[in-house]
């Protein structure tokens, strides 16, 4: 897999930061259509369960984002339900899935 572009490197750093702050096994970040970035970690309570990507995307949407350019899931998987959210908002947006160190494992393009 090719190396991420500098803008994607920023998303990886933000996602890894969210993972570390929450002391969890995954973190995510999204870049909206205006270039703003948002990060998140998973939420798991008896009343609500969200993946890191769902949290990051929901934070972006609640902040007024109209579209997504890209997303990153650090320590995630290609069956993350947040991928459906990214696809619903922006066909053609892509999500990089990385290992815990930030090395890209796969790239999922929203269709």
N, C-alpha and C. Protein backbone atom coordinates (compact mmCIF):
# COMPACT_ATOMS: atom_id res chain seq x y z
N UNK A 1 0.85 -1.17 0.00
CA UNK A 1 0.00 0.00 0.00
C UNK A 1 0.90 1.24 0.00
N UNK A 2 0.55 2.25 -0.79
CA UNK A 2 1.36 3.46 -0.86
C UNK A 2 1.23 4.29 0.41
N UNK A 3 2.22 5.14 0.62
CA UNK A 3 2.23 5.98 1.81
C UNK A 3 1.12 7.03 1.73
N UNK A 4 0.54 7.39 2.86
CA UNK A 4 -0.51 8.40 2.86
C UNK A 4 0.05 9.78 2.51
N UNK A 5 -0.81 10.64 1.98
CA UNK A 5 -0.42 12.02 1.67
C UNK A 5 -0.33 12.80 2.98
N UNK A 6 0.36 13.95 2.99
CA UNK A 6 0.52 14.71 4.24
C UNK A 6 -0.79 15.02 4.97
N UNK A 7 -1.86 15.32 4.23
CA UNK A 7 -3.14 15.61 4.88
C UNK A 7 -3.66 14.38 5.61
N UNK A 8 -3.38 13.19 5.05
CA UNK A 8 -3.81 11.96 5.69
C UNK A 8 -2.93 11.63 6.90
N UNK A 9 -1.66 12.01 6.83
CA UNK A 9 -0.78 11.83 7.99
C UNK A 9 -1.34 12.58 9.19
N UNK A 10 -1.88 13.77 8.97
CA UNK A 10 -2.48 14.55 10.06
C UNK A 10 -3.66 13.79 10.66
N UNK A 11 -4.47 13.17 9.81
CA UNK A 11 -5.60 12.39 10.32
C UNK A 11 -5.11 11.22 11.16
N UNK A 12 -4.04 10.58 10.74
CA UNK A 12 -3.48 9.46 11.49
C UNK A 12 -3.02 9.93 12.87
N UNK A 13 -2.33 11.07 12.91
CA UNK A 13 -1.87 11.62 14.19
C UNK A 13 -3.06 11.94 15.10
N UNK A 14 -4.09 12.56 14.55
CA UNK A 14 -5.27 12.89 15.35
C UNK A 14 -5.97 11.63 15.86
N UNK A 15 -6.10 10.63 15.02
CA UNK A 15 -6.75 9.38 15.42
C UNK A 15 -5.95 8.66 16.50
N UNK A 16 -4.63 8.64 16.34
CA UNK A 16 -3.79 8.01 17.37
C UNK A 16 -3.88 8.76 18.69
N UNK A 17 -4.00 10.10 18.60
CA UNK A 17 -4.16 10.91 19.81
C UNK A 17 -5.46 10.60 20.54
N UNK A 18 -6.55 10.46 19.78
CA UNK A 18 -7.84 10.13 20.38
C UNK A 18 -7.77 8.75 21.05
N UNK A 19 -7.13 7.80 20.38
CA UNK A 19 -6.94 6.46 20.92
C UNK A 19 -6.19 6.52 22.25
N UNK A 20 -5.11 7.28 22.28
CA UNK A 20 -4.28 7.37 23.48
C UNK A 20 -5.03 8.06 24.63
N UNK A 21 -5.71 9.17 24.32
CA UNK A 21 -6.44 9.90 25.37
C UNK A 21 -7.52 9.03 26.00
N UNK A 22 -8.21 8.27 25.18
CA UNK A 22 -9.32 7.43 25.67
C UNK A 22 -8.83 6.09 26.21
N UNK A 23 -7.53 5.81 26.01
CA UNK A 23 -6.94 4.55 26.44
C UNK A 23 -7.77 3.37 25.93
N UNK A 24 -7.94 3.35 24.61
CA UNK A 24 -8.75 2.32 23.96
C UNK A 24 -7.95 1.66 22.85
N UNK A 25 -8.58 0.80 22.09
CA UNK A 25 -7.86 0.04 21.05
C UNK A 25 -8.04 0.60 19.65
N UNK A 26 -8.83 1.68 19.51
CA UNK A 26 -8.98 2.30 18.20
C UNK A 26 -9.26 3.78 18.35
N UNK A 27 -8.99 4.49 17.29
CA UNK A 27 -9.27 5.93 17.22
C UNK A 27 -9.53 6.26 15.77
N UNK A 28 -10.21 7.36 15.52
CA UNK A 28 -10.53 7.74 14.15
C UNK A 28 -10.48 9.25 14.00
N UNK A 29 -10.35 9.67 12.76
CA UNK A 29 -10.41 11.10 12.43
C UNK A 29 -10.99 11.24 11.04
N UNK A 30 -11.68 12.34 10.82
CA UNK A 30 -12.25 12.64 9.50
C UNK A 30 -11.84 14.05 9.08
N UNK A 31 -11.76 14.26 7.77
CA UNK A 31 -11.54 15.59 7.20
C UNK A 31 -12.79 15.92 6.39
N UNK A 32 -13.40 17.06 6.70
CA UNK A 32 -14.62 17.42 5.99
C UNK A 32 -14.29 18.12 4.68
N UNK A 33 -15.32 18.48 3.94
CA UNK A 33 -15.15 19.09 2.63
C UNK A 33 -14.48 20.44 2.66
N UNK A 34 -14.43 21.08 3.83
CA UNK A 34 -13.75 22.37 3.98
C UNK A 34 -12.34 22.22 4.53
N UNK A 35 -11.90 20.97 4.75
CA UNK A 35 -10.56 20.72 5.26
C UNK A 35 -10.45 20.69 6.78
N UNK A 36 -11.57 20.88 7.48
CA UNK A 36 -11.53 20.82 8.94
C UNK A 36 -11.44 19.36 9.38
N UNK A 37 -10.81 19.12 10.51
CA UNK A 37 -10.61 17.76 10.99
C UNK A 37 -11.27 17.55 12.35
N UNK A 38 -11.69 16.31 12.57
CA UNK A 38 -12.37 15.92 13.80
C UNK A 38 -11.88 14.53 14.17
N UNK A 39 -11.73 14.28 15.46
CA UNK A 39 -11.24 12.98 15.92
C UNK A 39 -12.20 12.40 16.94
N UNK A 40 -12.12 11.10 17.13
CA UNK A 40 -12.97 10.45 18.12
C UNK A 40 -12.44 9.09 18.51
N UNK A 41 -12.94 8.62 19.64
CA UNK A 41 -12.63 7.28 20.15
C UNK A 41 -13.96 6.57 20.38
N UNK A 42 -13.93 5.26 20.50
CA UNK A 42 -15.18 4.52 20.69
C UNK A 42 -15.90 4.91 21.98
N UNK A 43 -17.21 4.78 21.96
CA UNK A 43 -18.04 5.00 23.13
C UNK A 43 -18.81 3.70 23.37
N UNK A 44 -18.75 3.20 24.58
CA UNK A 44 -19.48 1.97 24.90
C UNK A 44 -20.08 2.11 26.29
N UNK A 45 -21.39 2.35 26.32
CA UNK A 45 -22.12 2.40 27.58
C UNK A 45 -23.36 1.52 27.42
N UNK A 46 -24.13 1.39 28.47
CA UNK A 46 -25.34 0.58 28.35
C UNK A 46 -26.37 1.28 27.45
N UNK A 47 -26.29 2.59 27.34
CA UNK A 47 -27.26 3.33 26.53
C UNK A 47 -26.78 3.65 25.12
N UNK A 48 -25.48 3.57 24.86
CA UNK A 48 -24.96 4.00 23.56
C UNK A 48 -23.66 3.27 23.24
N UNK A 49 -23.56 2.76 22.03
CA UNK A 49 -22.33 2.15 21.56
C UNK A 49 -22.02 2.70 20.17
N UNK A 50 -20.86 3.33 20.03
CA UNK A 50 -20.42 3.90 18.76
C UNK A 50 -18.96 3.55 18.53
N UNK A 51 -18.59 3.31 17.28
CA UNK A 51 -17.19 3.11 16.95
C UNK A 51 -16.49 4.47 16.91
N UNK A 52 -15.19 4.44 16.88
CA UNK A 52 -14.41 5.68 16.82
C UNK A 52 -14.77 6.48 15.56
N UNK A 53 -14.94 5.80 14.44
CA UNK A 53 -15.29 6.50 13.20
C UNK A 53 -16.68 7.11 13.29
N UNK A 54 -17.63 6.42 13.89
CA UNK A 54 -18.95 6.99 14.07
C UNK A 54 -18.89 8.25 14.94
N UNK A 55 -18.08 8.23 15.99
CA UNK A 55 -17.94 9.40 16.86
C UNK A 55 -17.32 10.57 16.09
N UNK A 56 -16.23 10.31 15.37
CA UNK A 56 -15.55 11.39 14.63
C UNK A 56 -16.48 11.97 13.57
N UNK A 57 -17.18 11.11 12.83
CA UNK A 57 -18.08 11.59 11.78
C UNK A 57 -19.27 12.34 12.37
N UNK A 58 -19.83 11.84 13.45
CA UNK A 58 -20.96 12.52 14.10
C UNK A 58 -20.53 13.89 14.65
N UNK A 59 -19.32 13.97 15.18
CA UNK A 59 -18.80 15.25 15.67
C UNK A 59 -18.69 16.24 14.52
N UNK A 60 -18.19 15.77 13.39
CA UNK A 60 -18.08 16.65 12.21
C UNK A 60 -19.46 17.12 11.75
N UNK A 61 -20.40 16.19 11.65
CA UNK A 61 -21.74 16.54 11.20
C UNK A 61 -22.42 17.51 12.17
N UNK A 62 -22.24 17.28 13.47
CA UNK A 62 -22.86 18.17 14.45
C UNK A 62 -22.19 19.54 14.51
N UNK A 63 -21.02 19.65 13.89
CA UNK A 63 -20.32 20.93 13.79
C UNK A 63 -20.58 21.63 12.46
N UNK A 64 -21.46 21.05 11.65
CA UNK A 64 -21.85 21.70 10.40
C UNK A 64 -21.21 21.15 9.14
N UNK A 65 -20.44 20.09 9.24
CA UNK A 65 -19.83 19.52 8.03
C UNK A 65 -20.92 19.06 7.08
N UNK A 66 -20.72 19.34 5.81
CA UNK A 66 -21.69 18.94 4.78
C UNK A 66 -21.20 17.73 3.98
N UNK A 67 -19.89 17.49 4.02
CA UNK A 67 -19.31 16.39 3.26
C UNK A 67 -18.00 15.96 3.91
N UNK A 68 -17.53 14.78 3.48
CA UNK A 68 -16.24 14.25 3.94
C UNK A 68 -15.33 14.06 2.75
N UNK A 69 -14.04 14.37 2.95
CA UNK A 69 -13.02 14.07 1.95
C UNK A 69 -12.36 12.73 2.26
N UNK A 70 -12.01 12.55 3.53
CA UNK A 70 -11.26 11.36 3.93
C UNK A 70 -11.46 11.07 5.40
N UNK A 71 -11.13 9.83 5.76
CA UNK A 71 -11.18 9.40 7.16
C UNK A 71 -10.07 8.41 7.41
N UNK A 72 -9.76 8.22 8.68
CA UNK A 72 -8.75 7.24 9.09
C UNK A 72 -9.30 6.52 10.31
N UNK A 73 -9.12 5.20 10.33
CA UNK A 73 -9.39 4.42 11.54
C UNK A 73 -8.08 3.75 11.93
N UNK A 74 -7.55 4.11 13.07
CA UNK A 74 -6.35 3.48 13.60
C UNK A 74 -6.81 2.31 14.47
N UNK A 75 -6.32 1.13 14.15
CA UNK A 75 -6.71 -0.06 14.90
C UNK A 75 -8.12 -0.51 14.58
N UNK A 76 -8.60 -0.16 13.41
CA UNK A 76 -9.97 -0.49 13.02
C UNK A 76 -10.04 -1.65 12.06
N UNK A 77 -11.23 -1.85 11.50
CA UNK A 77 -11.46 -2.95 10.56
C UNK A 77 -12.33 -2.46 9.41
N UNK A 78 -12.29 -3.20 8.31
CA UNK A 78 -13.04 -2.78 7.13
C UNK A 78 -14.53 -3.12 7.20
N UNK A 79 -15.00 -3.61 8.35
CA UNK A 79 -16.43 -3.81 8.55
C UNK A 79 -17.01 -2.82 9.57
N UNK A 80 -16.26 -1.75 9.85
CA UNK A 80 -16.70 -0.72 10.79
C UNK A 80 -18.00 -0.09 10.29
N UNK A 81 -19.05 -0.01 11.11
CA UNK A 81 -20.30 0.60 10.66
C UNK A 81 -20.16 2.09 10.33
N UNK A 82 -19.11 2.73 10.80
CA UNK A 82 -18.87 4.13 10.45
C UNK A 82 -18.59 4.32 8.97
N UNK A 83 -18.13 3.27 8.30
CA UNK A 83 -17.89 3.36 6.86
C UNK A 83 -19.20 3.63 6.11
N UNK A 84 -20.30 3.07 6.60
CA UNK A 84 -21.60 3.33 5.98
C UNK A 84 -22.00 4.79 6.15
N UNK A 85 -21.68 5.37 7.29
CA UNK A 85 -21.98 6.78 7.52
C UNK A 85 -21.17 7.66 6.57
N UNK A 86 -19.90 7.38 6.43
CA UNK A 86 -19.06 8.15 5.50
C UNK A 86 -19.61 8.04 4.08
N UNK A 87 -19.99 6.83 3.68
CA UNK A 87 -20.53 6.62 2.33
C UNK A 87 -21.85 7.34 2.13
N UNK A 88 -22.70 7.35 3.15
CA UNK A 88 -23.99 8.03 3.05
C UNK A 88 -23.82 9.53 2.81
N UNK A 89 -22.83 10.12 3.46
CA UNK A 89 -22.62 11.57 3.36
C UNK A 89 -21.84 11.94 2.11
N UNK A 90 -20.84 11.14 1.74
CA UNK A 90 -19.96 11.50 0.62
C UNK A 90 -19.50 10.30 -0.18
N UNK A 91 -20.17 10.04 -1.28
CA UNK A 91 -19.70 9.01 -2.20
C UNK A 91 -18.35 9.46 -2.74
N UNK A 92 -17.41 8.55 -2.80
CA UNK A 92 -16.08 8.87 -3.30
C UNK A 92 -15.09 9.22 -2.21
N UNK A 93 -15.58 9.51 -0.99
CA UNK A 93 -14.65 9.75 0.12
C UNK A 93 -13.95 8.42 0.42
N UNK A 94 -12.76 8.50 0.97
CA UNK A 94 -12.04 7.26 1.28
C UNK A 94 -11.69 7.21 2.76
N UNK A 95 -11.53 5.99 3.24
CA UNK A 95 -11.12 5.76 4.62
C UNK A 95 -9.89 4.87 4.61
N UNK A 96 -8.85 5.33 5.27
CA UNK A 96 -7.65 4.52 5.46
C UNK A 96 -7.78 3.78 6.78
N UNK A 97 -7.51 2.49 6.74
CA UNK A 97 -7.51 1.69 7.95
C UNK A 97 -6.05 1.35 8.24
N UNK A 98 -5.62 1.65 9.44
CA UNK A 98 -4.21 1.46 9.79
C UNK A 98 -4.07 0.52 10.99
N UNK A 99 -2.85 0.06 11.18
CA UNK A 99 -2.56 -0.67 12.40
C UNK A 99 -2.36 0.35 13.52
N UNK A 100 -2.04 -0.13 14.71
CA UNK A 100 -1.92 0.78 15.85
C UNK A 100 -0.76 1.76 15.72
N UNK A 101 0.23 1.44 14.91
CA UNK A 101 1.36 2.34 14.70
C UNK A 101 1.08 3.37 13.61
N UNK A 102 -0.03 3.22 12.90
CA UNK A 102 -0.39 4.18 11.86
C UNK A 102 -0.01 3.74 10.45
N UNK A 103 0.48 2.51 10.29
CA UNK A 103 0.79 2.02 8.95
C UNK A 103 -0.50 1.59 8.26
N UNK A 104 -0.69 2.08 7.04
CA UNK A 104 -1.92 1.79 6.30
C UNK A 104 -2.00 0.31 5.94
N UNK A 105 -3.14 -0.29 6.29
CA UNK A 105 -3.41 -1.69 6.00
C UNK A 105 -4.33 -1.82 4.79
N UNK A 106 -5.32 -0.93 4.71
CA UNK A 106 -6.24 -0.95 3.57
C UNK A 106 -6.88 0.42 3.37
N UNK A 107 -7.46 0.57 2.20
CA UNK A 107 -8.15 1.81 1.84
C UNK A 107 -9.54 1.43 1.32
N UNK A 108 -10.56 2.04 1.89
CA UNK A 108 -11.94 1.76 1.52
C UNK A 108 -12.52 3.04 0.89
N UNK A 109 -13.00 2.92 -0.34
CA UNK A 109 -13.60 4.07 -1.03
C UNK A 109 -15.11 3.95 -0.92
N UNK A 110 -15.77 5.02 -0.46
CA UNK A 110 -17.22 5.03 -0.31
C UNK A 110 -17.89 4.97 -1.67
N UNK A 111 -18.84 4.09 -1.83
CA UNK A 111 -19.57 3.92 -3.10
C UNK A 111 -21.04 4.13 -2.90
